[in-house]
Each structure stands twice: as structure tokens, then as C-alpha cells.
Protein backbone atom coordinates (compact mmCIF):
# COMPACT_ATOMS: atom_id res chain seq x y z
CA UNK A 1 24.55 -36.35 51.68
CA UNK A 2 24.83 -33.40 54.37
CA UNK A 3 27.14 -31.03 52.81
CA UNK A 4 27.20 -28.23 55.46
CA UNK A 5 25.55 -26.90 58.74
CA UNK A 6 26.46 -23.36 59.91
CA UNK A 7 25.44 -20.65 62.28
CA UNK A 8 27.86 -17.90 60.95
CA UNK A 9 28.49 -14.31 62.59
CA UNK A 10 28.42 -12.85 59.16
CA UNK A 11 28.00 -14.00 55.58
CA UNK A 12 25.11 -16.12 54.52
CA UNK A 13 24.49 -17.38 57.95
CA UNK A 14 23.25 -13.89 58.86
CA UNK A 15 20.52 -14.20 56.30
CA UNK A 16 19.65 -18.01 56.34
CA UNK A 17 20.49 -18.36 60.12
CA UNK A 18 20.88 -21.97 61.38
CA UNK A 19 20.81 -24.12 58.02
CA UNK A 20 21.65 -27.47 56.71
CA UNK A 21 22.71 -28.03 53.05
CA UNK A 22 22.05 -31.31 51.51
CA UNK A 23 23.86 -32.58 48.15
CA UNK A 24 20.96 -34.53 46.27
CA UNK A 25 22.00 -37.41 43.95
CA UNK A 26 21.91 -35.48 41.13
CA UNK A 27 24.38 -33.03 42.36
CA UNK A 28 21.85 -30.23 43.07
CA UNK A 29 21.93 -28.81 46.74
CA UNK A 30 19.11 -28.35 48.97
CA UNK A 31 19.08 -25.35 51.49
CA UNK A 32 16.91 -25.76 54.61
CA UNK A 33 17.21 -22.31 56.47
CA UNK A 34 15.89 -20.67 59.51
CA UNK A 35 16.19 -23.68 61.63
CA UNK A 36 15.76 -23.77 65.31
CA UNK A 37 19.14 -23.50 67.39
CA UNK A 38 20.65 -26.70 68.33
CA UNK A 39 17.64 -28.96 66.49
CA UNK A 40 19.97 -30.35 63.77
CA UNK A 41 19.51 -34.26 63.82
CA UNK A 42 22.06 -34.81 61.02
CA UNK A 43 25.89 -34.11 60.64
CA UNK A 44 28.21 -33.28 57.66
CA UNK A 45 29.09 -36.11 55.75
CA UNK A 46 25.83 -38.27 56.90
CA UNK A 47 23.64 -39.84 54.37
CA UNK A 48 20.12 -38.58 54.37
CA UNK A 49 17.11 -40.60 53.47
CA UNK A 50 13.74 -39.28 52.03
CA UNK A 51 11.22 -38.23 54.87
CA UNK A 52 13.98 -38.33 57.51
CA UNK A 53 13.94 -35.32 60.04
CA UNK A 54 16.90 -33.11 59.83
CA UNK A 55 16.15 -30.15 62.06
CA UNK A 56 13.19 -28.33 63.58
CA UNK A 57 11.37 -25.34 62.18
CA UNK A 58 12.70 -22.18 63.70
CA UNK A 59 13.03 -18.27 63.15
CA UNK A 60 17.01 -17.87 63.04
CA UNK A 61 18.72 -15.42 60.83
CA UNK A 62 16.55 -12.83 58.74
CA UNK A 63 13.41 -14.16 60.07
CA UNK A 64 10.81 -12.82 62.37
CA UNK A 65 8.29 -15.78 62.43
CA UNK A 66 9.04 -19.66 62.46
CA UNK A 67 9.05 -21.22 59.12
CA UNK A 68 11.37 -23.29 56.90
CA UNK A 69 13.08 -21.93 53.88
CA UNK A 70 13.74 -24.37 51.16
CA UNK A 71 15.67 -23.65 47.96
CA UNK A 72 17.43 -25.91 45.50
CA UNK A 73 20.79 -24.38 44.22
CA UNK A 74 23.29 -25.40 41.55
CA UNK A 75 26.21 -24.78 44.24
CA UNK A 76 26.50 -25.09 48.03
CA UNK A 77 27.60 -21.54 48.15
CA UNK A 78 24.47 -19.69 48.97
CA UNK A 79 25.58 -16.10 47.62
CA UNK A 80 26.94 -17.29 44.46
CA UNK A 81 24.17 -20.21 43.89
CA UNK A 82 21.56 -20.13 41.18
CA UNK A 83 18.27 -21.41 41.82
CA UNK A 84 17.03 -24.47 40.43
CA UNK A 85 13.37 -25.11 39.83
CA UNK A 86 11.44 -27.84 41.60
CA UNK A 87 7.87 -29.37 42.17
CA UNK A 88 6.35 -31.00 45.33
CA UNK A 89 5.06 -34.46 45.19
CA UNK A 90 2.55 -35.94 47.57
CA UNK A 91 1.22 -32.57 48.29
CA UNK A 92 -1.49 -33.61 50.49
CA UNK A 93 1.00 -33.37 53.39
CA UNK A 94 1.47 -29.48 52.55
CA UNK A 95 -0.77 -26.91 54.24
CA UNK A 96 -3.15 -24.94 52.02
CA UNK A 97 -2.80 -21.30 51.79
CA UNK A 98 -3.54 -19.59 55.16
CA UNK A 99 -3.72 -22.57 56.91
CA UNK A 100 -1.23 -23.07 59.97
CA UNK A 101 0.63 -26.15 60.75
CA UNK A 102 2.01 -27.05 64.21
CA UNK A 103 5.24 -29.02 64.74
């Protein structure tokens, strides 16, 4: 479920820029950050399915190049959160090191 979507003038929004926070079924929170302004396709309270587009890659916040920052956290509060380890499945879809991907 989408827990938050922010573009703050200060606080964590200044660092992570346009971002979406999703609460996963196990209570862990996923942060997708540096998203393109106005590109979010989800709203707070919406259920999100695996593979569903939530926004477009951007370079908002503390970012000089377009990319998506993903982190799993134990709380939705970015500055108070502890990171949660994760692995990718189906890694064929991920670019190799040094490989660029277009969107």
C-alpha cells in the first residue's frame, strides 16, 4: 500500500526529492526516490501490485543524474529508518555493471 508521496521544501524531501514510500505486506517500507516530478501514477492508500509502474526515473533531490534510489526500511520515516537487507529476483531485467538503460 502506498504510504506517502512527498516533495518537501526541507527535511528528507530535500535529499530524496520526489519519492514514493510503499508499505509491503511484511510491514517493511520501500522507498523509491529521485523520481521525475509529476510522474507518480499511484496515490496514498492505493494497493500496488508487483510489476506495477509507480513513477518515472528522474533526478530530483540530491541527485545530478537520472536514477532511481531504492531502499527498504523498518519505518516510513526516512531519517529515523534502519535499512533492511534485500536481494533481487529475476535479475535478467537489471542492467549489468556499466550498462545504461533507457526508459
